[in-house]
Amino acid sequence: MAKSKKASGDTLGPVTILGGGNVGRALARGWVEKGRFKASEISITRRHSEKLAALREAGFHVGDDNRAAIKRVLSEGRALTGP
């Protein structure tokens, strides 16, 4: 993935993580800790979304509907794609 430059204080969001298991949760938390995204800019999905309750409380958008999560990101005019 190409590196994106950002101005100080700007973020790259929104973004959706499909699959909020160990790796998805670690990515989300890491991006917020490093200032790449705000928690409110990240949607995370998981079949059993109740397992993402801690992330919901931290301000992330969580759910079990991949399509709805993608629509949320696309409606805000940006999409991040892989290589």
C-alpha atoms as a PDB file:
ATOM      1  CA  MET A   1       0.000   0.000   0.000  1.00  0.00           C
ATOM      2  CA  ALA A   2       1.313   3.425  -0.880  1.00  0.00           C
ATOM      3  CA  LYS A   3       2.152   5.695   2.006  1.00  0.00           C
ATOM      4  CA  SER A   4      -0.120   8.693   2.366  1.00  0.00           C
ATOM      5  CA  LYS A   5       1.172  12.009   3.583  1.00  0.00           C
ATOM      6  CA  LYS A   6      -0.952  14.070   5.893  1.00  0.00           C
ATOM      7  CA  ALA A   7      -0.701  17.509   7.358  1.00  0.00           C
ATOM      8  CA  SER A   8      -0.211  17.855  11.073  1.00  0.00           C
ATOM      9  CA  GLY A   9      -3.519  17.192  12.822  1.00  0.00           C
ATOM     10  CA  ASP A  10      -5.200  15.764   9.713  1.00  0.00           C
ATOM     11  CA  THR A  11      -6.335  12.160   9.558  1.00  0.00           C
ATOM     12  CA  LEU A  12      -6.869   9.809   6.649  1.00  0.00           C
ATOM     13  CA  GLY A  13     -10.299   8.481   7.710  1.00  0.00           C
ATOM     14  CA  PRO A  14     -12.798   7.012   7.382  1.00  0.00           C
ATOM     15  CA  VAL A  15     -11.840   3.355   7.024  1.00  0.00           C
ATOM     16  CA  THR A  16     -13.561   0.007   7.493  1.00  0.00           C
ATOM     17  CA  ILE A  17     -11.962  -3.146   8.860  1.00  0.00           C
ATOM     18  CA  LEU A  18     -13.847  -6.267   7.823  1.00  0.00           C
ATOM     19  CA  GLY A  19     -13.073  -8.791  10.513  1.00  0.00           C
ATOM     20  CA  GLY A  20     -12.628  -7.529  14.047  1.00  0.00           C
ATOM     21  CA  GLY A  21     -10.634 -10.458  15.359  1.00  0.00           C
ATOM     22  CA  ASN A  22      -7.206 -10.129  16.956  1.00  0.00           C
ATOM     23  CA  VAL A  23      -5.550  -8.569  13.910  1.00  0.00           C
ATOM     24  CA  GLY A  24      -8.423  -6.212  13.084  1.00  0.00           C
ATOM     25  CA  ARG A  25      -8.650  -4.936  16.651  1.00  0.00           C
ATOM     26  CA  ALA A  26      -4.877  -4.479  16.844  1.00  0.00           C
ATOM     27  CA  LEU A  27      -4.857  -2.488  13.595  1.00  0.00           C
ATOM     28  CA  ALA A  28      -7.675  -0.249  14.767  1.00  0.00           C
ATOM     29  CA  ARG A  29      -6.125   0.460  18.146  1.00  0.00           C
ATOM     30  CA  GLY A  30      -2.672   0.966  16.651  1.00  0.00           C
ATOM     31  CA  TRP A  31      -3.883   3.438  14.049  1.00  0.00           C
ATOM     32  CA  VAL A  32      -5.645   5.479  16.733  1.00  0.00           C
ATOM     33  CA  GLU A  33      -2.658   5.370  19.101  1.00  0.00           C
ATOM     34  CA  LYS A  34      -0.365   6.595  16.301  1.00  0.00           C
ATOM     35  CA  GLY A  35      -2.799   9.348  15.331  1.00  0.00           C
ATOM     36  CA  ARG A  36      -3.466   8.007  11.819  1.00  0.00           C
ATOM     37  CA  PHE A  37      -7.218   7.849  12.475  1.00  0.00           C
ATOM     38  CA  LYS A  38      -9.712   8.898  15.111  1.00  0.00           C
ATOM     39  CA  ALA A  39     -11.731   6.069  16.652  1.00  0.00           C
ATOM     40  CA  SER A  40     -14.891   7.643  15.229  1.00  0.00           C
ATOM     41  CA  GLU A  41     -13.449   7.277  11.708  1.00  0.00           C
ATOM     42  CA  ILE A  42     -13.036   3.500  11.945  1.00  0.00           C
ATOM     43  CA  SER A  43     -15.800   0.951  11.383  1.00  0.00           C
ATOM     44  CA  ILE A  44     -15.097  -2.637  12.412  1.00  0.00           C
ATOM     45  CA  THR A  45     -17.260  -5.634  11.640  1.00  0.00           C
ATOM     46  CA  ARG A  46     -17.403  -9.070  13.196  1.00  0.00           C
ATOM     47  CA  ARG A  47     -19.999 -11.841  13.044  1.00  0.00           C
ATOM     48  CA  HIS A  48     -20.464 -11.607  16.780  1.00  0.00           C
ATOM     49  CA  SER A  49     -20.234  -7.847  17.157  1.00  0.00           C
ATOM     50  CA  GLU A  50     -20.942  -8.059  20.892  1.00  0.00           C
ATOM     51  CA  LYS A  51     -17.280  -9.110  21.188  1.00  0.00           C
ATOM     52  CA  LEU A  52     -16.368  -5.587  20.062  1.00  0.00           C
ATOM     53  CA  ALA A  53     -18.127  -3.871  22.978  1.00  0.00           C
ATOM     54  CA  ALA A  54     -14.870  -2.397  24.335  1.00  0.00           C
ATOM     55  CA  LEU A  55     -14.162  -0.794  20.956  1.00  0.00           C
ATOM     56  CA  ARG A  56     -17.704   0.589  20.759  1.00  0.00           C
ATOM     57  CA  GLU A  57     -17.194   2.179  24.181  1.00  0.00           C
ATOM     58  CA  ALA A  58     -13.908   3.679  22.911  1.00  0.00           C
ATOM     59  CA  GLY A  59     -15.771   5.407  20.068  1.00  0.00           C
ATOM     60  CA  PHE A  60     -15.313   2.997  17.150  1.00  0.00           C
ATOM     61  CA  HIS A  61     -18.265   2.130  14.907  1.00  0.00           C
ATOM     62  CA  VAL A  62     -18.906  -1.598  15.276  1.00  0.00           C
ATOM     63  CA  GLY A  63     -21.406  -4.005  13.775  1.00  0.00           C
ATOM     64  CA  ASP A  64     -21.941  -7.284  11.996  1.00  0.00           C
ATOM     65  CA  ASP A  65     -22.972  -5.945   8.571  1.00  0.00           C
ATOM     66  CA  ASN A  66     -20.030  -5.662   6.160  1.00  0.00           C
ATOM     67  CA  ARG A  67     -22.074  -3.978   3.448  1.00  0.00           C
ATOM     68  CA  ALA A  68     -23.368  -1.279   5.777  1.00  0.00           C
ATOM     69  CA  ALA A  69     -19.846  -0.597   7.050  1.00  0.00           C
ATOM     70  CA  ILE A  70     -18.518  -0.217   3.506  1.00  0.00           C
ATOM     71  CA  LYS A  71     -21.420   2.061   2.538  1.00  0.00           C
ATOM     72  CA  ARG A  72     -20.626   4.281   5.523  1.00  0.00           C
ATOM     73  CA  VAL A  73     -17.055   4.762   4.304  1.00  0.00           C
ATOM     74  CA  LEU A  74     -18.027   5.287   0.672  1.00  0.00           C
ATOM     75  CA  SER A  75     -20.735   7.794   1.589  1.00  0.00           C
ATOM     76  CA  GLU A  76     -18.038  10.003   3.084  1.00  0.00           C
ATOM     77  CA  GLY A  77     -16.239  10.145  -0.258  1.00  0.00           C
ATOM     78  CA  ARG A  78     -13.084   8.152   0.440  1.00  0.00           C
ATOM     79  CA  ALA A  79     -12.013   4.576   0.153  1.00  0.00           C
ATOM     80  CA  LEU A  80      -8.691   3.000   1.012  1.00  0.00           C
ATOM     81  CA  THR A  81      -7.704  -0.007  -1.049  1.00  0.00           C
ATOM     82  CA  GLY A  82      -4.902  -2.515  -0.899  1.00  0.00           C
ATOM     83  CA  PRO A  83      -2.118  -3.049  -3.437  1.00  0.00           C
END
